[in-house]
PDB file of N, CA and C in Angstrom:
ATOM      1  N   UNK A   1       0.816  -1.197   0.000  1.00  0.00           N
ATOM      2  CA  UNK A   1       0.000   0.000   0.000  1.00  0.00           C
ATOM      3  C   UNK A   1       0.859   1.259   0.000  1.00  0.00           C
ATOM      4  N   UNK A   2       1.949   1.224   0.737  1.00  0.00           N
ATOM      5  CA  UNK A   2       2.794   2.417   0.801  1.00  0.00           C
ATOM      6  C   UNK A   2       3.461   2.689  -0.548  1.00  0.00           C
ATOM      7  N   UNK A   3       3.779   1.640  -1.308  1.00  0.00           N
ATOM      8  CA  UNK A   3       4.360   1.828  -2.636  1.00  0.00           C
ATOM      9  C   UNK A   3       3.339   2.469  -3.573  1.00  0.00           C
ATOM     10  N   UNK A   4       2.091   2.033  -3.501  1.00  0.00           N
ATOM     11  CA  UNK A   4       1.053   2.629  -4.334  1.00  0.00           C
ATOM     12  C   UNK A   4       0.825   4.099  -3.986  1.00  0.00           C
ATOM     13  N   UNK A   5       0.853   4.415  -2.692  1.00  0.00           N
ATOM     14  CA  UNK A   5       0.688   5.807  -2.269  1.00  0.00           C
ATOM     15  C   UNK A   5       1.843   6.665  -2.758  1.00  0.00           C
ATOM     16  N   UNK A   6       3.068   6.117  -2.702  1.00  0.00           N
ATOM     17  CA  UNK A   6       4.236   6.849  -3.171  1.00  0.00           C
ATOM     18  C   UNK A   6       4.171   7.072  -4.679  1.00  0.00           C
ATOM     19  N   UNK A   7       3.754   6.064  -5.408  1.00  0.00           N
ATOM     20  CA  UNK A   7       3.608   6.194  -6.856  1.00  0.00           C
ATOM     21  C   UNK A   7       2.539   7.217  -7.200  1.00  0.00           C
ATOM     22  N   UNK A   8       1.420   7.178  -6.503  1.00  0.00           N
ATOM     23  CA  UNK A   8       0.340   8.140  -6.726  1.00  0.00           C
ATOM     24  C   UNK A   8       0.816   9.569  -6.456  1.00  0.00           C
ATOM     25  N   UNK A   9       1.531   9.762  -5.370  1.00  0.00           N
ATOM     26  CA  UNK A   9       2.039  11.097  -5.030  1.00  0.00           C
ATOM     27  C   UNK A   9       3.042  11.571  -6.081  1.00  0.00           C
ATOM     28  N   UNK A  10       3.857  10.667  -6.587  1.00  0.00           N
ATOM     29  CA  UNK A  10       4.814  11.028  -7.627  1.00  0.00           C
ATOM     30  C   UNK A  10       4.129  11.432  -8.916  1.00  0.00           C
ATOM     31  N   UNK A  11       3.061  10.724  -9.280  1.00  0.00           N
ATOM     32  CA  UNK A  11       2.318  11.075 -10.488  1.00  0.00           C
ATOM     33  C   UNK A  11       1.637  12.429 -10.326  1.00  0.00           C
ATOM     34  N   UNK A  12       1.083  12.688  -9.160  1.00  0.00           N
ATOM     35  CA  UNK A  12       0.461  13.996  -8.918  1.00  0.00           C
ATOM     36  C   UNK A  12       1.488  15.117  -9.014  1.00  0.00           C
ATOM     37  N   UNK A  13       2.665  14.897  -8.463  1.00  0.00           N
ATOM     38  CA  UNK A  13       3.719  15.906  -8.498  1.00  0.00           C
ATOM     39  C   UNK A  13       4.188  16.143  -9.933  1.00  0.00           C
ATOM     40  N   UNK A  14       4.357  15.076 -10.702  1.00  0.00           N
ATOM     41  CA  UNK A  14       4.816  15.212 -12.081  1.00  0.00           C
ATOM     42  C   UNK A  14       3.756  15.859 -12.960  1.00  0.00           C
ATOM     43  N   UNK A  15       2.488  15.586 -12.693  1.00  0.00           N
ATOM     44  CA  UNK A  15       1.427  16.141 -13.534  1.00  0.00           C
ATOM     45  C   UNK A  15       1.306  17.651 -13.365  1.00  0.00           C
ATOM     46  N   UNK A  16       1.733  18.187 -12.245  1.00  0.00           N
ATOM     47  CA  UNK A  16       1.713  19.643 -12.047  1.00  0.00           C
ATOM     48  C   UNK A  16       2.726  20.328 -12.958  1.00  0.00           C
ATOM     49  N   UNK A  17       3.830  19.640 -13.267  1.00  0.00           N
ATOM     50  CA  UNK A  17       4.903  20.216 -14.070  1.00  0.00           C
ATOM     51  C   UNK A  17       4.767  19.867 -15.554  1.00  0.00           C
ATOM     52  N   UNK A  18       3.838  18.980 -15.893  1.00  0.00           N
ATOM     53  CA  UNK A  18       3.719  18.495 -17.262  1.00  0.00           C
ATOM     54  C   UNK A  18       3.136  19.576 -18.155  1.00  0.00           C
ATOM     55  N   UNK A  19       3.851  19.938 -19.232  1.00  0.00           N
ATOM     56  CA  UNK A  19       3.376  20.979 -20.139  1.00  0.00           C
ATOM     57  C   UNK A  19       3.223  20.478 -21.571  1.00  0.00           C
ATOM     58  N   UNK A  20       3.863  19.365 -21.907  1.00  0.00           N
ATOM     59  CA  UNK A  20       3.810  18.862 -23.278  1.00  0.00           C
ATOM     60  C   UNK A  20       2.581  17.969 -23.473  1.00  0.00           C
ATOM     61  N   UNK A  21       1.998  18.007 -24.668  1.00  0.00           N
ATOM     62  CA  UNK A  21       0.878  17.102 -24.943  1.00  0.00           C
ATOM     63  C   UNK A  21       1.371  15.657 -25.057  1.00  0.00           C
ATOM     64  N   UNK A  22       0.492  14.731 -24.792  1.00  0.00           N
ATOM     65  CA  UNK A  22       0.833  13.312 -24.868  1.00  0.00           C
ATOM     66  C   UNK A  22       0.938  12.921 -26.338  1.00  0.00           C
ATOM     67  N   UNK A  23       2.045  12.293 -26.711  1.00  0.00           N
ATOM     68  CA  UNK A  23       2.248  11.871 -28.096  1.00  0.00           C
ATOM     69  C   UNK A  23       1.453  10.603 -28.373  1.00  0.00           C
ATOM     70  N   UNK A  24       0.912  10.522 -29.571  1.00  0.00           N
ATOM     71  CA  UNK A  24       0.149   9.361 -30.041  1.00  0.00           C
ATOM     72  C   UNK A  24      -1.051   9.050 -29.157  1.00  0.00           C
ATOM     73  N   UNK A  25      -1.672  10.066 -28.591  1.00  0.00           N
ATOM     74  CA  UNK A  25      -2.814   9.840 -27.710  1.00  0.00           C
ATOM     75  C   UNK A  25      -3.987   9.231 -28.480  1.00  0.00           C
ATOM     76  N   UNK A  26      -4.189   9.663 -29.737  1.00  0.00           N
ATOM     77  CA  UNK A  26      -5.301   9.123 -30.514  1.00  0.00           C
ATOM     78  C   UNK A  26      -5.139   7.623 -30.735  1.00  0.00           C
ATOM     79  N   UNK A  27      -3.924   7.177 -30.989  1.00  0.00           N
ATOM     80  CA  UNK A  27      -3.662   5.753 -31.170  1.00  0.00           C
ATOM     81  C   UNK A  27      -3.929   4.991 -29.873  1.00  0.00           C
ATOM     82  N   UNK A  28      -3.444   5.526 -28.757  1.00  0.00           N
ATOM     83  CA  UNK A  28      -3.663   4.866 -27.470  1.00  0.00           C
ATOM     84  C   UNK A  28      -5.150   4.828 -27.118  1.00  0.00           C
ATOM     85  N   UNK A  29      -5.848   5.908 -27.387  1.00  0.00           N
ATOM     86  CA  UNK A  29      -7.271   5.974 -27.080  1.00  0.00           C
ATOM     87  C   UNK A  29      -8.072   4.992 -27.929  1.00  0.00           C
ATOM     88  N   UNK A  30      -7.713   4.862 -29.197  1.00  0.00           N
ATOM     89  CA  UNK A  30      -8.429   3.907 -30.038  1.00  0.00           C
ATOM     90  C   UNK A  30      -8.163   2.474 -29.596  1.00  0.00           C
ATOM     91  N   UNK A  31      -6.949   2.178 -29.150  1.00  0.00           N
ATOM     92  CA  UNK A  31      -6.648   0.843 -28.646  1.00  0.00           C
ATOM     93  C   UNK A  31      -7.423   0.550 -27.358  1.00  0.00           C
ATOM     94  N   UNK A  32      -7.533   1.545 -26.486  1.00  0.00           N
ATOM     95  CA  UNK A  32      -8.316   1.374 -25.261  1.00  0.00           C
ATOM     96  C   UNK A  32      -9.791   1.153 -25.584  1.00  0.00           C
ATOM     97  N   UNK A  33     -10.302   1.874 -26.592  1.00  0.00           N
ATOM     98  CA  UNK A  33     -11.698   1.717 -26.977  1.00  0.00           C
ATOM     99  C   UNK A  33     -11.963   0.325 -27.537  1.00  0.00           C
ATOM    100  N   UNK A  34     -10.977  -0.244 -28.238  1.00  0.00           N
ATOM    101  CA  UNK A  34     -11.122  -1.600 -28.759  1.00  0.00           C
ATOM    102  C   UNK A  34     -11.051  -2.605 -27.616  1.00  0.00           C
ATOM    103  N   UNK A  35     -10.100  -2.419 -26.742  1.00  0.00           N
ATOM    104  CA  UNK A  35      -9.896  -3.378 -25.650  1.00  0.00           C
ATOM    105  C   UNK A  35     -11.050  -3.364 -24.651  1.00  0.00           C
ATOM    106  N   UNK A  36     -11.534  -2.173 -24.316  1.00  0.00           N
ATOM    107  CA  UNK A  36     -12.633  -2.029 -23.357  1.00  0.00           C
ATOM    108  C   UNK A  36     -13.895  -1.620 -24.110  1.00  0.00           C
ATOM    109  N   UNK A  37     -14.332  -2.480 -24.990  1.00  0.00           N
ATOM    110  CA  UNK A  37     -15.462  -2.180 -25.870  1.00  0.00           C
ATOM    111  C   UNK A  37     -16.720  -1.857 -25.072  1.00  0.00           C
ATOM    112  N   UNK A  38     -17.303  -0.686 -25.355  1.00  0.00           N
ATOM    113  CA  UNK A  38     -18.544  -0.278 -24.720  1.00  0.00           C
ATOM    114  C   UNK A  38     -18.363   0.510 -23.436  1.00  0.00           C
ATOM    115  N   UNK A  39     -17.206   0.427 -22.796  1.00  0.00           N
ATOM    116  CA  UNK A  39     -17.024   1.123 -21.505  1.00  0.00           C
ATOM    117  C   UNK A  39     -16.745   2.609 -21.677  1.00  0.00           C
ATOM    118  N   UNK A  40     -16.187   3.008 -22.809  1.00  0.00           N
ATOM    119  CA  UNK A  40     -15.822   4.405 -23.015  1.00  0.00           C
ATOM    120  C   UNK A  40     -16.876   5.194 -23.773  1.00  0.00           C
ATOM    121  N   UNK A  41     -17.930   4.518 -24.226  1.00  0.00           N
ATOM    122  CA  UNK A  41     -18.936   5.178 -25.049  1.00  0.00           C
ATOM    123  C   UNK A  41     -19.623   6.331 -24.323  1.00  0.00           C
ATOM    124  N   UNK A  42     -19.894   6.191 -23.038  1.00  0.00           N
ATOM    125  CA  UNK A  42     -20.567   7.250 -22.297  1.00  0.00           C
ATOM    126  C   UNK A  42     -19.685   8.447 -22.003  1.00  0.00           C
ATOM    127  N   UNK A  43     -18.395   8.243 -22.041  1.00  0.00           N
ATOM    128  CA  UNK A  43     -17.449   9.295 -21.693  1.00  0.00           C
ATOM    129  C   UNK A  43     -16.919  10.011 -22.948  1.00  0.00           C
ATOM    130  N   UNK A  44     -16.741   9.243 -24.002  1.00  0.00           N
ATOM    131  CA  UNK A  44     -16.155   9.781 -25.226  1.00  0.00           C
ATOM    132  C   UNK A  44     -17.180   9.858 -26.331  1.00  0.00           C
ATOM    133  N   UNK A  45     -16.876  10.664 -27.326  1.00  0.00           N
ATOM    134  CA  UNK A  45     -17.719  10.782 -28.518  1.00  0.00           C
ATOM    135  C   UNK A  45     -17.213   9.799 -29.564  1.00  0.00           C
ATOM    136  N   UNK A  46     -17.512   8.526 -29.383  1.00  0.00           N
ATOM    137  CA  UNK A  46     -17.023   7.505 -30.336  1.00  0.00           C
ATOM    138  C   UNK A  46     -18.178   7.023 -31.168  1.00  0.00           C
TER     139      UNK A  46
END
């Protein structure tokens, strides 16, 4: 549990400094939509 909390805190800290857009996000999003078919429909305009 402490490792997960440390990882979560690190991600929160890094996300405050993140300024660049995520590369290949459309490709990753389409793969997630295929893998989790139907789960993203309510959240995304697919």
